[in-house]
Amino acid sequence: MPYIPYWFESFGPWFPWIVPAIALSGLWLANSSQNGRFQKVAERVFYAAMLVVAGAALRTVLANEGCWLLHMASMVVMILGATFPQSENSQSEHDNEVIFTDF
């Protein structure tokens, strides 16, 4: 009987680069949404992408593969991107402040 590979083995050569692509696309989708309804969907996609990236990073660390640092960096980028506010939100907080200048 011939060897039939599992479906995920076909992604083997691209596995180190698929995880950062998932991380960046999930982060981009979550940060680029302006519509309230679309933002709820984008946040769910982001958290799903975060679970996939965390699972892949854990797998590469446990398997001691060479791309573990890239996958962990992708996880760090997702966490930092989720915790830091967008630039639009930070500017709207400063719009109500009054700036006094001495002439």
Protein backbone atom coordinates (compact mmCIF):
# COMPACT_ATOMS: atom_id res chain seq x y z
CA MET A 1 0.00 0.00 0.00
CA PRO A 2 1.48 3.39 -0.94
CA TYR A 3 2.17 6.01 1.67
CA ILE A 4 -0.55 8.66 1.81
CA PRO A 5 0.60 11.77 3.72
CA TYR A 6 -1.66 13.60 6.09
CA TRP A 7 -3.10 16.83 4.75
CA PHE A 8 -1.02 18.98 7.10
CA GLU A 9 2.26 17.44 5.96
CA SER A 10 1.85 19.17 2.61
CA PHE A 11 2.34 22.50 4.42
CA GLY A 12 5.63 21.38 5.98
CA PRO A 13 8.01 23.58 3.96
CA TRP A 14 5.83 26.65 4.50
CA PHE A 15 5.02 26.01 8.16
CA PRO A 16 7.59 28.48 9.52
CA TRP A 17 6.03 31.29 7.46
CA ILE A 18 2.34 30.38 7.77
CA VAL A 19 2.21 31.15 11.49
CA PRO A 20 3.53 34.75 11.22
CA ALA A 21 1.21 35.33 8.26
CA ILE A 22 -1.78 34.20 10.35
CA ALA A 23 -0.63 36.39 13.23
CA LEU A 24 -0.16 39.53 11.15
CA SER A 25 -3.37 39.07 9.18
CA GLY A 26 -5.40 38.57 12.36
CA LEU A 27 -3.85 41.62 13.96
CA TRP A 28 -4.36 43.72 10.84
CA LEU A 29 -7.99 42.66 10.57
CA ALA A 30 -8.71 43.48 14.19
CA ASN A 31 -7.00 46.88 14.07
CA SER A 32 -8.42 47.99 10.73
CA SER A 33 -12.08 47.49 11.57
CA GLN A 34 -14.08 50.67 12.13
CA ASN A 35 -17.65 49.35 11.88
CA GLY A 36 -19.05 48.08 15.18
CA ARG A 37 -20.58 44.91 13.76
CA PHE A 38 -17.51 44.10 11.70
CA GLN A 39 -15.29 44.82 14.69
CA LYS A 40 -17.00 42.08 16.74
CA VAL A 41 -16.36 39.56 13.98
CA ALA A 42 -12.78 40.80 13.53
CA GLU A 43 -12.08 40.40 17.25
CA ARG A 44 -13.35 36.82 17.17
CA VAL A 45 -11.15 36.10 14.16
CA PHE A 46 -8.21 37.68 15.99
CA TYR A 47 -8.71 35.51 19.07
CA ALA A 48 -9.06 32.40 16.90
CA ALA A 49 -5.84 33.35 15.12
CA MET A 50 -4.20 33.88 18.50
CA LEU A 51 -5.18 30.35 19.57
CA VAL A 52 -3.79 28.90 16.33
CA VAL A 53 -0.53 30.83 16.70
CA ALA A 54 -0.20 29.85 20.37
CA GLY A 55 -0.76 26.19 19.52
CA ALA A 56 1.75 26.30 16.70
CA ALA A 57 4.30 28.11 18.86
CA LEU A 58 3.88 25.57 21.62
CA ARG A 59 4.28 22.75 19.12
CA THR A 60 7.50 24.16 17.69
CA VAL A 61 8.96 24.75 21.16
CA LEU A 62 8.12 21.22 22.29
CA ALA A 63 9.45 19.71 19.06
CA ASN A 64 12.61 21.86 19.30
CA GLU A 65 12.29 23.06 15.72
CA GLY A 66 14.43 25.86 14.40
CA CYS A 67 11.53 28.24 13.78
CA TRP A 68 10.45 28.43 17.43
CA LEU A 69 11.84 31.94 17.82
CA LEU A 70 9.90 33.20 14.80
CA HIS A 71 6.68 31.68 16.12
CA MET A 72 7.17 33.05 19.61
CA ALA A 73 7.92 36.49 18.12
CA SER A 74 4.65 36.24 16.20
CA MET A 75 2.86 35.53 19.46
CA VAL A 76 4.53 38.52 21.12
CA VAL A 77 3.52 40.78 18.22
CA MET A 78 -0.08 39.67 18.58
CA ILE A 79 -0.10 40.29 22.34
CA LEU A 80 1.53 43.70 22.06
CA GLY A 81 -0.71 44.66 19.15
CA ALA A 82 -3.79 43.78 21.19
CA THR A 83 -2.71 45.68 24.30
CA PHE A 84 -1.47 48.92 22.75
CA PRO A 85 -4.19 51.35 21.68
CA GLN A 86 -4.51 52.54 18.13
CA SER A 87 -3.20 55.99 17.24
CA GLU A 88 -6.73 57.31 16.57
CA ASN A 89 -7.84 56.50 20.11
CA SER A 90 -4.84 58.17 21.70
CA GLN A 91 -5.35 61.39 19.73
CA SER A 92 -9.05 61.60 20.58
CA GLU A 93 -8.16 61.54 24.28
CA HIS A 94 -5.97 64.62 23.84
CA ASP A 95 -8.49 66.61 21.76
CA ASN A 96 -10.35 67.86 24.83
CA GLU A 97 -7.23 69.17 26.55
CA VAL A 98 -6.59 72.89 26.61
CA ILE A 99 -3.04 73.96 25.85
CA PHE A 100 -1.93 77.17 27.54
CA THR A 101 0.94 79.11 26.08
CA ASP A 102 2.66 82.12 27.57
CA PHE A 103 3.28 84.95 25.17
